[in-house]
């Protein structure tokens, strides 16, 4: 497996975010991470990314895997140029990024000169598109995407959907966009709002709702 989470527990003060979260993923899995607000979805992504330490439990990764955690928005105040930011975050040289980003910049309806502008000087809409561009230019084995569809226009959304669907990499996606989850994922990890544990369901978000509702009845 590319990732195993074994008995992961996390409490903030007296608030239990995750309790005994256990699952494993294979290479190429496209997984939606779902649960009520406040159930620990972002916390779990950050634990997998190594940003937050679990209180207990074990994370096991496949050999030599690369991983990218892409939060809802990146630092807005950076005075780096778009080009510098992307080169740094996707770990590729400038000439490669310029060549690879050309097509996507057209598809995202961005001005080709945007790569030389500072991130701080971009509009909100431009920032969201640059966040998508960063995903499209990344070569991670495991992508951790926290709300990647927020504020995207239709063109950017389609690009992102196609990228995930056609990739042989592994994705864990937190998103409130049910249609997006139905389009791109084939497994769901549900975090239970009461037990704070995890259950894996096969299928997309609509399948998950059917399975979940039939288990309640």
N, C-alpha and C. Protein backbone atom coordinates (compact mmCIF):
# COMPACT_ATOMS: atom_id res chain seq x y z
N UNK A 1 0.84 -1.20 0.00
CA UNK A 1 0.00 0.00 0.00
C UNK A 1 0.88 1.25 0.00
N UNK A 2 0.32 2.35 -0.51
CA UNK A 2 1.08 3.60 -0.56
C UNK A 2 1.00 4.33 0.79
N UNK A 3 -0.10 4.09 1.52
CA UNK A 3 -0.29 4.76 2.81
C UNK A 3 -1.16 3.88 3.71
N UNK A 4 -0.70 3.69 4.94
CA UNK A 4 -1.54 3.06 5.96
C UNK A 4 -1.60 3.98 7.18
N UNK A 5 -2.81 4.28 7.61
CA UNK A 5 -3.02 5.00 8.86
C UNK A 5 -3.55 3.98 9.86
N UNK A 6 -2.86 3.83 10.98
CA UNK A 6 -3.21 2.76 11.92
C UNK A 6 -3.47 3.36 13.30
N UNK A 7 -4.74 3.28 13.72
CA UNK A 7 -5.15 3.73 15.07
C UNK A 7 -4.68 5.15 15.37
N UNK A 8 -4.99 6.08 14.46
CA UNK A 8 -4.58 7.48 14.64
C UNK A 8 -5.56 8.18 15.60
N UNK A 9 -5.00 8.79 16.63
CA UNK A 9 -5.81 9.55 17.60
C UNK A 9 -5.29 10.98 17.69
N UNK A 10 -6.23 11.94 17.76
CA UNK A 10 -5.83 13.33 17.93
C UNK A 10 -6.89 14.09 18.72
N UNK A 11 -6.44 14.72 19.80
CA UNK A 11 -7.34 15.54 20.62
C UNK A 11 -6.73 16.93 20.76
N UNK A 12 -7.54 17.95 20.62
CA UNK A 12 -7.11 19.33 20.87
C UNK A 12 -7.75 19.79 22.16
N UNK A 13 -6.95 20.03 23.20
CA UNK A 13 -7.49 20.31 24.54
C UNK A 13 -8.44 19.17 24.90
N UNK A 14 -9.75 19.46 24.99
CA UNK A 14 -10.66 18.35 25.32
C UNK A 14 -11.47 17.91 24.11
N UNK A 15 -11.19 18.53 22.95
CA UNK A 15 -11.97 18.20 21.76
C UNK A 15 -11.32 17.02 21.02
N UNK A 16 -12.09 15.94 20.84
CA UNK A 16 -11.57 14.77 20.11
C UNK A 16 -11.79 15.00 18.62
N UNK A 17 -10.70 15.09 17.86
CA UNK A 17 -10.80 15.29 16.41
C UNK A 17 -10.84 13.94 15.68
N UNK A 18 -9.99 13.02 16.10
CA UNK A 18 -9.92 11.70 15.47
C UNK A 18 -9.72 10.65 16.55
N UNK A 19 -10.42 9.52 16.39
CA UNK A 19 -10.26 8.43 17.36
C UNK A 19 -10.15 7.11 16.62
N UNK A 20 -8.99 6.51 16.71
CA UNK A 20 -8.77 5.18 16.12
C UNK A 20 -8.98 5.19 14.60
N UNK A 21 -8.57 6.27 13.94
CA UNK A 21 -8.71 6.34 12.48
C UNK A 21 -7.76 5.34 11.83
N UNK A 22 -8.32 4.41 11.06
CA UNK A 22 -7.53 3.31 10.49
C UNK A 22 -7.99 3.02 9.06
N UNK A 23 -7.07 3.07 8.13
CA UNK A 23 -7.38 2.70 6.73
C UNK A 23 -6.06 2.59 5.97
N UNK A 24 -6.11 1.94 4.80
CA UNK A 24 -4.92 1.96 3.95
C UNK A 24 -5.33 2.19 2.50
N UNK A 25 -4.44 2.80 1.75
CA UNK A 25 -4.71 3.16 0.36
C UNK A 25 -3.65 2.55 -0.55
N UNK A 26 -4.10 2.21 -1.76
CA UNK A 26 -3.20 1.66 -2.78
C UNK A 26 -2.83 2.74 -3.77
N UNK A 27 -1.76 2.50 -4.50
CA UNK A 27 -1.33 3.42 -5.55
C UNK A 27 -2.46 3.59 -6.57
N UNK A 28 -2.78 4.83 -6.90
CA UNK A 28 -3.83 5.09 -7.88
C UNK A 28 -5.22 5.28 -7.30
N UNK A 29 -5.36 5.10 -5.98
CA UNK A 29 -6.67 5.34 -5.36
C UNK A 29 -7.02 6.82 -5.42
N UNK A 30 -8.29 7.10 -5.75
CA UNK A 30 -8.80 8.48 -5.73
C UNK A 30 -9.89 8.50 -4.65
N UNK A 31 -9.60 9.17 -3.57
CA UNK A 31 -10.42 9.04 -2.36
C UNK A 31 -10.98 10.38 -1.93
N UNK A 32 -12.26 10.41 -1.63
CA UNK A 32 -12.87 11.58 -1.02
C UNK A 32 -12.88 11.40 0.49
N UNK A 33 -12.45 12.42 1.22
CA UNK A 33 -12.46 12.38 2.69
C UNK A 33 -13.64 13.24 3.15
N UNK A 34 -14.64 12.61 3.75
CA UNK A 34 -15.87 13.34 4.06
C UNK A 34 -16.25 13.18 5.52
N UNK A 35 -17.10 14.09 5.97
CA UNK A 35 -17.59 14.09 7.35
C UNK A 35 -18.18 15.46 7.65
N UNK A 36 -18.93 15.53 8.73
CA UNK A 36 -19.52 16.81 9.13
C UNK A 36 -18.41 17.84 9.37
N UNK A 37 -18.73 19.12 9.28
CA UNK A 37 -17.74 20.15 9.62
C UNK A 37 -17.24 19.93 11.04
N UNK A 38 -15.93 20.07 11.21
CA UNK A 38 -15.37 19.89 12.55
C UNK A 38 -15.07 18.44 12.90
N UNK A 39 -15.18 17.53 11.90
CA UNK A 39 -14.91 16.12 12.23
C UNK A 39 -13.46 15.73 12.03
N UNK A 40 -12.60 16.68 11.70
CA UNK A 40 -11.19 16.31 11.66
C UNK A 40 -10.63 15.99 10.29
N UNK A 41 -11.34 16.41 9.23
CA UNK A 41 -10.87 16.12 7.87
C UNK A 41 -9.53 16.82 7.59
N UNK A 42 -9.49 18.12 7.81
CA UNK A 42 -8.24 18.87 7.58
C UNK A 42 -7.14 18.41 8.53
N UNK A 43 -7.54 18.08 9.76
CA UNK A 43 -6.55 17.58 10.73
C UNK A 43 -5.91 16.30 10.23
N UNK A 44 -6.74 15.39 9.70
CA UNK A 44 -6.21 14.12 9.19
C UNK A 44 -5.24 14.36 8.02
N UNK A 45 -5.62 15.27 7.11
CA UNK A 45 -4.71 15.59 6.00
C UNK A 45 -3.38 16.11 6.53
N UNK A 46 -3.46 17.00 7.53
CA UNK A 46 -2.22 17.59 8.09
C UNK A 46 -1.38 16.55 8.82
N UNK A 47 -2.03 15.58 9.45
CA UNK A 47 -1.29 14.50 10.11
C UNK A 47 -0.56 13.66 9.06
N UNK A 48 -1.26 13.32 7.97
CA UNK A 48 -0.62 12.54 6.89
C UNK A 48 0.54 13.34 6.29
N UNK A 49 0.34 14.66 6.17
CA UNK A 49 1.38 15.53 5.57
C UNK A 49 2.55 15.77 6.52
N UNK A 50 2.39 15.42 7.80
CA UNK A 50 3.47 15.63 8.76
C UNK A 50 3.49 17.02 9.37
N UNK A 51 2.40 17.77 9.17
CA UNK A 51 2.33 19.14 9.71
C UNK A 51 1.85 19.11 11.15
N UNK A 52 0.96 18.17 11.45
CA UNK A 52 0.42 18.00 12.80
C UNK A 52 0.80 16.59 13.26
N UNK A 53 1.23 16.46 14.51
CA UNK A 53 1.56 15.13 15.05
C UNK A 53 0.33 14.50 15.66
N UNK A 54 0.10 13.20 15.40
CA UNK A 54 -0.99 12.53 16.11
C UNK A 54 -0.60 12.31 17.57
N UNK A 55 -1.59 12.16 18.44
CA UNK A 55 -1.28 11.84 19.85
C UNK A 55 -0.77 10.41 19.95
N UNK A 56 -1.34 9.54 19.13
CA UNK A 56 -0.88 8.14 19.09
C UNK A 56 -1.29 7.56 17.74
N UNK A 57 -0.75 6.40 17.45
CA UNK A 57 -1.03 5.76 16.17
C UNK A 57 0.18 5.80 15.25
N UNK A 58 0.07 5.09 14.14
CA UNK A 58 1.21 4.92 13.25
C UNK A 58 0.81 5.26 11.82
N UNK A 59 1.72 5.94 11.11
CA UNK A 59 1.56 6.19 9.68
C UNK A 59 2.65 5.41 8.96
N UNK A 60 2.25 4.63 7.96
CA UNK A 60 3.24 3.90 7.16
C UNK A 60 3.08 4.30 5.71
N UNK A 61 4.21 4.66 5.07
CA UNK A 61 4.18 5.08 3.67
C UNK A 61 4.94 4.07 2.81
N UNK A 62 4.52 3.97 1.55
CA UNK A 62 5.27 3.16 0.60
C UNK A 62 6.68 3.71 0.44
N UNK A 63 7.55 2.89 -0.09
CA UNK A 63 8.97 3.27 -0.20
C UNK A 63 9.16 4.43 -1.17
N UNK A 64 9.94 5.42 -0.74
CA UNK A 64 10.35 6.55 -1.60
C UNK A 64 9.20 7.36 -2.19
N UNK A 65 8.04 7.37 -1.54
CA UNK A 65 6.94 8.12 -2.16
C UNK A 65 7.10 9.62 -1.88
N UNK A 66 6.67 10.40 -2.85
CA UNK A 66 6.65 11.85 -2.66
C UNK A 66 5.21 12.27 -2.40
N UNK A 67 5.06 13.31 -1.62
CA UNK A 67 3.73 13.69 -1.18
C UNK A 67 3.60 15.21 -1.21
N UNK A 68 2.45 15.68 -1.63
CA UNK A 68 2.20 17.12 -1.64
C UNK A 68 0.89 17.45 -0.94
N UNK A 69 0.98 18.32 0.06
CA UNK A 69 -0.22 18.80 0.76
C UNK A 69 -0.54 20.18 0.20
N UNK A 70 -1.74 20.32 -0.36
CA UNK A 70 -2.11 21.59 -0.98
C UNK A 70 -3.35 22.12 -0.28
N UNK A 71 -3.17 23.07 0.64
CA UNK A 71 -4.29 23.58 1.42
C UNK A 71 -5.20 24.48 0.59
N UNK A 72 -6.28 24.94 1.21
CA UNK A 72 -7.27 25.73 0.48
C UNK A 72 -6.66 26.93 -0.22
N UNK A 73 -5.76 27.60 0.43
CA UNK A 73 -5.15 28.75 -0.24
C UNK A 73 -3.72 28.84 0.23
N UNK A 74 -2.85 29.38 -0.62
CA UNK A 74 -1.47 29.52 -0.17
C UNK A 74 -1.27 30.92 0.41
N UNK A 75 -0.08 31.15 0.93
CA UNK A 75 0.20 32.42 1.60
C UNK A 75 -0.05 33.58 0.64
N UNK A 76 -0.94 34.46 1.05
CA UNK A 76 -1.41 35.51 0.16
C UNK A 76 -0.41 36.67 0.11
N UNK A 77 0.39 36.78 1.14
CA UNK A 77 1.19 38.00 1.29
C UNK A 77 2.58 37.88 0.68
N UNK A 78 2.88 36.72 0.08
CA UNK A 78 4.23 36.53 -0.44
C UNK A 78 4.49 37.48 -1.61
N UNK A 79 5.67 38.05 -1.63
CA UNK A 79 6.05 38.91 -2.75
C UNK A 79 6.80 38.17 -3.84
N UNK A 80 6.84 36.84 -3.71
CA UNK A 80 7.45 36.04 -4.78
C UNK A 80 6.66 36.19 -6.07
N UNK A 81 7.33 35.99 -7.18
CA UNK A 81 6.58 35.93 -8.44
C UNK A 81 5.89 34.56 -8.51
N UNK A 82 4.88 34.48 -9.35
CA UNK A 82 4.18 33.22 -9.58
C UNK A 82 5.18 32.14 -10.01
N UNK A 83 6.08 32.52 -10.90
CA UNK A 83 7.07 31.56 -11.41
C UNK A 83 7.96 31.02 -10.29
N UNK A 84 8.47 31.92 -9.45
CA UNK A 84 9.33 31.47 -8.34
C UNK A 84 8.57 30.56 -7.38
N UNK A 85 7.33 30.97 -7.08
CA UNK A 85 6.49 30.18 -6.16
C UNK A 85 6.28 28.77 -6.70
N UNK A 86 5.93 28.68 -7.99
CA UNK A 86 5.64 27.35 -8.56
C UNK A 86 6.91 26.51 -8.66
N UNK A 87 7.99 27.11 -9.10
CA UNK A 87 9.26 26.36 -9.20
C UNK A 87 9.63 25.75 -7.84
N UNK A 88 9.47 26.57 -6.81
CA UNK A 88 9.83 26.14 -5.46
C UNK A 88 8.90 25.02 -4.96
N UNK A 89 7.59 25.19 -5.19
CA UNK A 89 6.65 24.22 -4.62
C UNK A 89 6.58 22.93 -5.42
N UNK A 90 6.81 22.97 -6.74
CA UNK A 90 6.75 21.72 -7.51
C UNK A 90 8.15 21.16 -7.76
N UNK A 91 9.15 21.90 -7.30
CA UNK A 91 10.52 21.42 -7.36
C UNK A 91 10.99 21.12 -8.79
N UNK A 92 10.77 22.10 -9.67
CA UNK A 92 11.19 21.96 -11.06
C UNK A 92 11.91 23.24 -11.48
N UNK A 93 12.83 23.12 -12.46
CA UNK A 93 13.54 24.32 -12.92
C UNK A 93 12.62 25.25 -13.71
N UNK A 94 13.03 26.51 -13.77
CA UNK A 94 12.23 27.56 -14.40
C UNK A 94 11.83 27.25 -15.84
N UNK A 95 12.79 26.81 -16.65
CA UNK A 95 12.47 26.59 -18.07
C UNK A 95 11.42 25.49 -18.23
N UNK A 96 11.51 24.46 -17.38
CA UNK A 96 10.53 23.37 -17.45
C UNK A 96 9.13 23.86 -17.06
N UNK A 97 9.07 24.65 -16.00
CA UNK A 97 7.78 25.19 -15.53
C UNK A 97 7.17 26.09 -16.61
N UNK A 98 8.00 26.91 -17.24
CA UNK A 98 7.49 27.81 -18.29
C UNK A 98 6.89 27.02 -19.45
N UNK A 99 7.58 25.95 -19.87
CA UNK A 99 7.08 25.14 -20.99
C UNK A 99 5.80 24.41 -20.59
N UNK A 100 5.83 23.76 -19.41
CA UNK A 100 4.69 22.95 -18.99
C UNK A 100 3.46 23.80 -18.67
N UNK A 101 3.70 25.02 -18.20
CA UNK A 101 2.54 25.83 -17.76
C UNK A 101 1.86 26.55 -18.91
N UNK A 102 2.54 26.64 -20.05
CA UNK A 102 2.02 27.43 -21.17
C UNK A 102 0.59 27.04 -21.56
N UNK A 103 0.38 25.73 -21.80
CA UNK A 103 -0.92 25.24 -22.23
C UNK A 103 -1.98 25.50 -21.14
N UNK A 104 -1.62 25.20 -19.90
CA UNK A 104 -2.58 25.35 -18.81
C UNK A 104 -2.97 26.82 -18.61
N UNK A 105 -2.00 27.71 -18.77
CA UNK A 105 -2.29 29.13 -18.58
C UNK A 105 -3.32 29.60 -19.60
N UNK A 106 -3.21 29.10 -20.84
CA UNK A 106 -4.23 29.40 -21.87
C UNK A 106 -5.58 28.83 -21.45
N UNK A 107 -5.57 27.55 -21.05
CA UNK A 107 -6.82 26.88 -20.68
C UNK A 107 -7.50 27.54 -19.49
N UNK A 108 -6.69 28.12 -18.60
CA UNK A 108 -7.25 28.79 -17.41
C UNK A 108 -7.63 30.25 -17.71
N UNK A 109 -7.44 30.65 -18.98
CA UNK A 109 -7.74 32.03 -19.41
C UNK A 109 -6.96 33.06 -18.59
N UNK A 110 -5.69 32.73 -18.36
CA UNK A 110 -4.80 33.68 -17.68
C UNK A 110 -3.87 34.30 -18.71
N UNK A 111 -3.42 35.49 -18.43
CA UNK A 111 -2.48 36.19 -19.29
C UNK A 111 -1.11 35.51 -19.17
N UNK A 112 -0.43 35.27 -20.28
CA UNK A 112 0.85 34.55 -20.23
C UNK A 112 1.90 35.26 -19.37
N UNK A 113 1.71 36.58 -19.20
CA UNK A 113 2.69 37.33 -18.39
C UNK A 113 2.47 37.16 -16.88
N UNK A 114 1.40 36.44 -16.51
CA UNK A 114 1.06 36.32 -15.08
C UNK A 114 2.20 35.68 -14.29
N UNK A 115 3.00 34.84 -14.95
CA UNK A 115 4.07 34.13 -14.23
C UNK A 115 5.12 35.10 -13.66
N UNK A 116 5.19 36.30 -14.23
CA UNK A 116 6.19 37.27 -13.76
C UNK A 116 5.63 38.26 -12.74
N UNK A 117 4.32 38.13 -12.45
CA UNK A 117 3.72 39.01 -11.45
C UNK A 117 3.88 38.43 -10.05
N UNK A 118 3.76 39.27 -9.03
CA UNK A 118 3.87 38.75 -7.67
C UNK A 118 2.53 38.18 -7.23
N UNK A 119 2.60 37.18 -6.39
CA UNK A 119 1.37 36.54 -5.90
C UNK A 119 0.54 37.54 -5.11
N UNK A 120 1.22 38.40 -4.36
CA UNK A 120 0.50 39.40 -3.55
C UNK A 120 -0.33 40.33 -4.44
N UNK A 121 0.10 40.52 -5.68
CA UNK A 121 -0.61 41.44 -6.57
C UNK A 121 -1.73 40.81 -7.38
N UNK A 122 -1.98 39.52 -7.17
CA UNK A 122 -3.04 38.85 -7.94
C UNK A 122 -4.40 39.06 -7.31
N UNK A 123 -5.42 38.97 -8.12
CA UNK A 123 -6.80 39.00 -7.60
C UNK A 123 -7.10 37.64 -6.96
N UNK A 124 -8.20 37.59 -6.22
CA UNK A 124 -8.60 36.33 -5.59
C UNK A 124 -8.80 35.23 -6.61
N UNK A 125 -9.47 35.57 -7.72
CA UNK A 125 -9.72 34.59 -8.77
C UNK A 125 -8.44 34.07 -9.40
N UNK A 126 -7.48 34.98 -9.60
CA UNK A 126 -6.20 34.58 -10.18
C UNK A 126 -5.44 33.66 -9.22
N UNK A 127 -5.52 33.97 -7.93
CA UNK A 127 -4.84 33.13 -6.94
C UNK A 127 -5.38 31.70 -6.96
N UNK A 128 -6.70 31.59 -7.03
CA UNK A 128 -7.28 30.23 -7.05
C UNK A 128 -6.80 29.46 -8.27
N UNK A 129 -6.71 30.17 -9.40
CA UNK A 129 -6.25 29.49 -10.62
C UNK A 129 -4.78 29.10 -10.54
N UNK A 130 -3.98 29.93 -9.89
CA UNK A 130 -2.56 29.60 -9.71
C UNK A 130 -2.43 28.39 -8.77
N UNK A 131 -3.34 28.29 -7.78
CA UNK A 131 -3.34 27.11 -6.90
C UNK A 131 -3.62 25.84 -7.72
N UNK A 132 -4.54 25.95 -8.70
CA UNK A 132 -4.83 24.81 -9.58
C UNK A 132 -3.62 24.51 -10.46
N UNK A 133 -3.02 25.56 -11.00
CA UNK A 133 -1.83 25.39 -11.85
C UNK A 133 -0.74 24.64 -11.09
N UNK A 134 -0.59 24.98 -9.84
CA UNK A 134 0.42 24.31 -9.00
C UNK A 134 0.14 22.80 -8.92
N UNK A 135 -1.14 22.43 -8.78
CA UNK A 135 -1.50 21.01 -8.73
C UNK A 135 -1.18 20.34 -10.08
N UNK A 136 -1.57 21.00 -11.18
CA UNK A 136 -1.40 20.42 -12.51
C UNK A 136 0.07 20.20 -12.88
N UNK A 137 0.95 20.98 -12.28
CA UNK A 137 2.38 20.88 -12.61
C UNK A 137 3.15 19.99 -11.62
N UNK A 138 2.44 19.42 -10.65
CA UNK A 138 3.11 18.61 -9.61
C UNK A 138 3.19 17.15 -10.02
N UNK A 139 4.24 16.49 -9.55
CA UNK A 139 4.45 15.06 -9.87
C UNK A 139 4.47 14.20 -8.61
N UNK A 140 3.67 14.52 -7.61
CA UNK A 140 3.68 13.73 -6.38
C UNK A 140 3.09 12.34 -6.61
N UNK A 141 3.47 11.40 -5.75
CA UNK A 141 2.82 10.08 -5.76
C UNK A 141 1.49 10.15 -5.00
N UNK A 142 1.48 11.02 -3.97
CA UNK A 142 0.29 11.16 -3.12
C UNK A 142 -0.06 12.63 -3.00
N UNK A 143 -1.25 12.99 -3.47
CA UNK A 143 -1.74 14.37 -3.40
C UNK A 143 -2.75 14.47 -2.26
N UNK A 144 -2.57 15.46 -1.39
CA UNK A 144 -3.52 15.74 -0.31
C UNK A 144 -4.14 17.10 -0.62
N UNK A 145 -5.38 17.10 -1.09
CA UNK A 145 -6.01 18.34 -1.57
C UNK A 145 -7.13 18.75 -0.63
N UNK A 146 -6.98 19.92 -0.01
CA UNK A 146 -7.99 20.42 0.93
C UNK A 146 -8.83 21.49 0.24
N UNK A 147 -10.07 21.15 -0.09
CA UNK A 147 -11.00 22.07 -0.76
C UNK A 147 -10.39 22.71 -2.03
N UNK A 148 -9.95 21.89 -2.98
CA UNK A 148 -9.29 22.47 -4.16
C UNK A 148 -10.25 23.18 -5.11
N UNK A 149 -11.56 22.95 -4.96
CA UNK A 149 -12.51 23.52 -5.93
C UNK A 149 -13.11 24.84 -5.50
N UNK A 150 -12.77 25.32 -4.31
CA UNK A 150 -13.36 26.57 -3.83
C UNK A 150 -13.12 27.72 -4.82
N UNK A 151 -14.19 28.38 -5.22
CA UNK A 151 -14.11 29.58 -6.07
C UNK A 151 -13.53 29.35 -7.47
N UNK A 152 -13.56 28.11 -7.94
CA UNK A 152 -13.04 27.86 -9.31
C UNK A 152 -14.13 28.11 -10.33
N UNK A 153 -13.74 28.64 -11.49
CA UNK A 153 -14.72 28.74 -12.57
C UNK A 153 -14.78 27.39 -13.29
N UNK A 154 -15.73 27.26 -14.24
CA UNK A 154 -15.99 25.98 -14.88
C UNK A 154 -14.76 25.43 -15.60
N UNK A 155 -14.01 26.30 -16.28
CA UNK A 155 -12.84 25.83 -17.04
C UNK A 155 -11.78 25.24 -16.11
N UNK A 156 -11.51 25.94 -15.02
CA UNK A 156 -10.49 25.47 -14.07
C UNK A 156 -10.93 24.16 -13.43
N UNK A 157 -12.24 24.06 -13.15
CA UNK A 157 -12.78 22.86 -12.52
C UNK A 157 -12.62 21.65 -13.45
N UNK A 158 -12.92 21.84 -14.73
CA UNK A 158 -12.79 20.74 -15.70
C UNK A 158 -11.34 20.29 -15.82
N UNK A 159 -10.42 21.26 -15.86
CA UNK A 159 -8.99 20.93 -15.93
C UNK A 159 -8.58 20.06 -14.74
N UNK A 160 -9.01 20.48 -13.56
CA UNK A 160 -8.65 19.76 -12.34
C UNK A 160 -9.26 18.36 -12.33
N UNK A 161 -10.54 18.27 -12.73
CA UNK A 161 -11.21 16.96 -12.80
C UNK A 161 -10.46 16.02 -13.74
N UNK A 162 -10.13 16.52 -14.92
CA UNK A 162 -9.45 15.68 -15.92
C UNK A 162 -8.09 15.23 -15.41
N UNK A 163 -7.38 16.15 -14.76
CA UNK A 163 -6.06 15.84 -14.23
C UNK A 163 -6.14 14.68 -13.23
N UNK A 164 -7.09 14.77 -12.31
CA UNK A 164 -7.21 13.72 -11.28
C UNK A 164 -7.68 12.41 -11.90
N UNK A 165 -8.70 12.49 -12.76
CA UNK A 165 -9.26 11.26 -13.36
C UNK A 165 -8.22 10.51 -14.19
N UNK A 166 -7.39 11.26 -14.93
CA UNK A 166 -6.44 10.63 -15.86
C UNK A 166 -5.10 10.30 -15.22
N UNK A 167 -4.91 10.67 -13.96
CA UNK A 167 -3.63 10.45 -13.30
C UNK A 167 -3.56 9.03 -12.73
N UNK A 168 -2.35 8.48 -12.68
CA UNK A 168 -2.18 7.16 -12.04
C UNK A 168 -1.69 7.32 -10.60
N UNK A 169 -1.71 8.57 -10.11
CA UNK A 169 -1.25 8.84 -8.75
C UNK A 169 -2.40 8.66 -7.75
N UNK A 170 -2.07 8.81 -6.47
CA UNK A 170 -3.07 8.65 -5.41
C UNK A 170 -3.51 10.03 -4.91
N UNK A 171 -4.82 10.19 -4.72
CA UNK A 171 -5.37 11.48 -4.28
C UNK A 171 -6.27 11.27 -3.08
N UNK A 172 -6.11 12.13 -2.06
CA UNK A 172 -7.10 12.24 -0.99
C UNK A 172 -7.64 13.66 -1.07
N UNK A 173 -8.95 13.78 -1.28
CA UNK A 173 -9.55 15.09 -1.54
C UNK A 173 -10.61 15.40 -0.50
N UNK A 174 -10.49 16.56 0.13
CA UNK A 174 -11.58 17.09 0.97
C UNK A 174 -12.29 18.12 0.12
N UNK A 175 -13.60 17.94 -0.08
CA UNK A 175 -14.35 18.93 -0.88
C UNK A 175 -15.82 18.90 -0.48
N UNK A 176 -16.43 20.10 -0.45
CA UNK A 176 -17.88 20.19 -0.23
C UNK A 176 -18.65 20.06 -1.53
N UNK A 177 -17.92 19.99 -2.64
CA UNK A 177 -18.55 19.93 -3.96
C UNK A 177 -18.86 18.47 -4.30
N UNK A 178 -20.13 18.10 -4.10
CA UNK A 178 -20.52 16.69 -4.27
C UNK A 178 -20.35 16.22 -5.72
N UNK A 179 -20.66 17.12 -6.65
CA UNK A 179 -20.54 16.75 -8.07
C UNK A 179 -19.09 16.45 -8.41
N UNK A 180 -18.19 17.27 -7.88
CA UNK A 180 -16.75 17.06 -8.09
C UNK A 180 -16.33 15.70 -7.54
N UNK A 181 -16.76 15.38 -6.31
CA UNK A 181 -16.42 14.09 -5.72
C UNK A 181 -17.01 12.94 -6.54
N UNK A 182 -18.23 13.10 -7.01
CA UNK A 182 -18.84 12.06 -7.84
C UNK A 182 -18.05 11.83 -9.12
N UNK A 183 -17.44 12.90 -9.63
CA UNK A 183 -16.71 12.82 -10.89
C UNK A 183 -15.34 12.19 -10.72
N UNK A 184 -14.63 12.50 -9.63
CA UNK A 184 -13.21 12.12 -9.57
C UNK A 184 -12.86 10.97 -8.63
N UNK A 185 -13.68 10.66 -7.63
CA UNK A 185 -13.24 9.64 -6.66
C UNK A 185 -13.96 8.32 -6.86
N UNK A 186 -13.30 7.24 -6.42
CA UNK A 186 -13.95 5.92 -6.47
C UNK A 186 -13.92 5.22 -5.11
N UNK A 187 -13.51 5.99 -4.10
CA UNK A 187 -13.58 5.51 -2.72
C UNK A 187 -13.88 6.70 -1.84
N UNK A 188 -14.52 6.44 -0.73
CA UNK A 188 -14.78 7.49 0.26
C UNK A 188 -14.27 7.02 1.62
N UNK A 189 -13.54 7.91 2.29
CA UNK A 189 -13.25 7.67 3.71
C UNK A 189 -14.18 8.58 4.49
N UNK A 190 -15.07 7.99 5.24
CA UNK A 190 -16.01 8.76 6.05
C UNK A 190 -15.50 8.86 7.48
N UNK A 191 -15.48 10.08 8.02
CA UNK A 191 -15.16 10.25 9.44
C UNK A 191 -16.49 10.40 10.18
N UNK A 192 -16.75 9.50 11.11
CA UNK A 192 -18.02 9.50 11.82
C UNK A 192 -18.08 10.64 12.82
N UNK A 193 -19.17 11.41 12.79
CA UNK A 193 -19.24 12.59 13.66
C UNK A 193 -19.34 12.23 15.14
N UNK A 194 -19.78 11.00 15.43
CA UNK A 194 -19.94 10.61 16.84
C UNK A 194 -18.72 9.84 17.35
N UNK A 195 -18.29 8.81 16.59
CA UNK A 195 -17.17 7.99 17.08
C UNK A 195 -15.82 8.60 16.74
N UNK A 196 -15.79 9.50 15.72
CA UNK A 196 -14.55 10.12 15.21
C UNK A 196 -13.61 9.11 14.55
N UNK A 197 -14.16 7.92 14.25
CA UNK A 197 -13.37 6.90 13.55
C UNK A 197 -13.62 6.98 12.05
N UNK A 198 -12.90 6.14 11.29
CA UNK A 198 -13.01 6.18 9.82
C UNK A 198 -13.56 4.87 9.28
N UNK A 199 -14.32 5.00 8.19
CA UNK A 199 -14.80 3.82 7.46
C UNK A 199 -14.56 4.06 5.98
N UNK A 200 -14.11 3.02 5.28
CA UNK A 200 -13.90 3.15 3.82
C UNK A 200 -15.11 2.58 3.09
N UNK A 201 -15.60 3.33 2.12
CA UNK A 201 -16.72 2.91 1.27
C UNK A 201 -16.23 2.89 -0.17
N UNK A 202 -16.64 1.85 -0.92
CA UNK A 202 -16.30 1.84 -2.34
C UNK A 202 -17.32 2.65 -3.12
N UNK A 203 -16.86 3.36 -4.13
CA UNK A 203 -17.76 4.15 -4.96
C UNK A 203 -17.54 5.64 -4.74
N UNK A 204 -18.36 6.44 -5.42
CA UNK A 204 -18.22 7.89 -5.30
C UNK A 204 -19.11 8.42 -4.17
N UNK A 205 -19.30 9.72 -4.14
CA UNK A 205 -20.02 10.31 -3.02
C UNK A 205 -21.49 9.87 -2.98
N UNK A 206 -22.14 9.80 -4.14
CA UNK A 206 -23.55 9.35 -4.18
C UNK A 206 -23.68 7.91 -3.69
N UNK A 207 -22.71 7.06 -4.10
CA UNK A 207 -22.73 5.66 -3.63
C UNK A 207 -22.57 5.61 -2.11
N UNK A 208 -21.69 6.45 -1.62
CA UNK A 208 -21.44 6.50 -0.17
C UNK A 208 -22.72 6.87 0.59
N UNK A 209 -23.45 7.88 0.07
CA UNK A 209 -24.69 8.29 0.74
C UNK A 209 -25.69 7.15 0.78
N UNK A 210 -25.79 6.41 -0.36
CA UNK A 210 -26.73 5.27 -0.40
C UNK A 210 -26.34 4.22 0.63
N UNK A 211 -25.03 3.89 0.66
CA UNK A 211 -24.57 2.85 1.59
C UNK A 211 -24.78 3.29 3.03
N UNK A 212 -24.49 4.55 3.29
CA UNK A 212 -24.60 5.08 4.64
C UNK A 212 -26.06 5.08 5.09
N UNK A 213 -26.95 5.52 4.20
CA UNK A 213 -28.37 5.58 4.55
C UNK A 213 -28.97 4.18 4.73
N UNK A 214 -28.51 3.22 3.91
CA UNK A 214 -29.08 1.87 4.03
C UNK A 214 -28.61 1.22 5.33
N UNK A 215 -27.44 1.63 5.83
CA UNK A 215 -26.97 1.05 7.10
C UNK A 215 -27.68 1.65 8.31
N UNK A 216 -28.28 2.84 8.09
CA UNK A 216 -29.00 3.52 9.19
C UNK A 216 -30.40 2.92 9.32
N UNK A 217 -31.00 2.57 8.15
CA UNK A 217 -32.41 2.14 8.18
C UNK A 217 -32.57 0.81 8.90
